Protein backbone atom coordinates (compact mmCIF):
# COMPACT_ATOMS: atom_id res chain seq x y z
CA UNK A 1 9.77 -13.83 -14.97
CA UNK A 2 11.27 -13.98 -11.18
CA UNK A 3 11.27 -17.42 -9.69
CA UNK A 4 10.40 -17.36 -6.15
CA UNK A 5 13.37 -16.70 -3.45
CA UNK A 6 15.13 -15.28 -5.56
CA UNK A 7 17.84 -11.96 -5.84
CA UNK A 8 17.87 -9.40 -8.28
CA UNK A 9 21.24 -7.59 -8.80
CA UNK A 10 21.46 -4.54 -10.92
CA UNK A 11 25.01 -4.61 -12.09
CA UNK A 12 25.22 -1.07 -13.16
CA UNK A 13 24.43 0.27 -8.92
CA UNK A 14 25.79 -2.82 -7.46
CA UNK A 15 21.60 -2.35 -5.44
CA UNK A 16 19.63 -5.94 -5.08
CA UNK A 17 15.94 -7.04 -4.23
CA UNK A 18 14.90 -9.91 -2.90
CA UNK A 19 11.71 -11.56 -3.75
CA UNK A 20 10.22 -14.05 -1.80
CA UNK A 21 7.07 -14.68 -3.73
CA UNK A 22 6.14 -13.56 -7.38
CA UNK A 23 2.50 -14.67 -8.17
CA UNK A 24 1.50 -15.26 -11.74
CA UNK A 25 -1.20 -13.26 -13.66
CA UNK A 26 -3.55 -16.28 -13.57
CA UNK A 27 -3.78 -16.22 -9.34
CA UNK A 28 -6.66 -15.04 -8.12
CA UNK A 29 -7.15 -12.24 -5.81
CA UNK A 30 -8.52 -14.24 -2.71
CA UNK A 31 -5.58 -17.02 -3.61
CA UNK A 32 -3.08 -13.44 -2.71
CA UNK A 33 -4.70 -12.79 -0.06
CA UNK A 34 -4.46 -15.67 1.68
CA UNK A 35 -0.99 -16.44 1.77
CA UNK A 36 0.08 -13.03 2.51
CA UNK A 37 -2.52 -10.09 4.18
CA UNK A 38 -4.72 -12.20 6.20
CA UNK A 39 -2.47 -12.72 8.54
CA UNK A 40 -1.45 -9.68 8.96
CA UNK A 41 -5.16 -8.35 9.19
CA UNK A 42 -5.18 -11.14 12.19
CA UNK A 43 -2.47 -9.31 13.43
CA UNK A 44 -3.47 -5.84 13.52
CA UNK A 45 -6.61 -6.28 15.59
CA UNK A 46 -4.65 -7.98 18.28
CA UNK A 47 -3.12 -4.69 18.02
CA UNK A 48 -0.03 -5.29 16.26
CA UNK A 49 1.17 -2.98 13.07
CA UNK A 50 0.92 -3.88 9.32
CA UNK A 51 1.71 -2.64 6.35
CA UNK A 52 0.82 -4.29 3.26
CA UNK A 53 2.85 -2.79 0.19
CA UNK A 54 2.27 -3.84 -4.03
CA UNK A 55 3.86 -2.90 -6.39
CA UNK A 56 3.21 -3.21 -9.67
CA UNK A 57 2.30 -2.00 -13.63
CA UNK A 58 0.36 1.09 -12.90
CA UNK A 59 -3.70 0.57 -13.57
CA UNK A 60 -2.92 -2.68 -12.93
CA UNK A 61 -4.99 -3.78 -9.82
CA UNK A 62 -2.33 -2.76 -7.43
CA UNK A 63 -4.43 -1.03 -5.40
CA UNK A 64 -7.06 -2.20 -2.99
CA UNK A 65 -9.00 0.01 0.17
CA UNK A 66 -9.34 -1.60 2.92
CA UNK A 67 -11.99 -0.67 4.29
């Protein structure tokens, strides 16, 4: 488990990753969308570019098509 706003350092390569927010398995898509993507969708409607990158274990549901 990674806490919010945590920096992870891989000792062997000295690479770092920063996590602004980590969601638990019990959080539903609606709450995650409201917290992350909804403001980006509004921005695209206003003409700005946006990218949503979701990472997770294969077949864990990290892919969702916005149509």
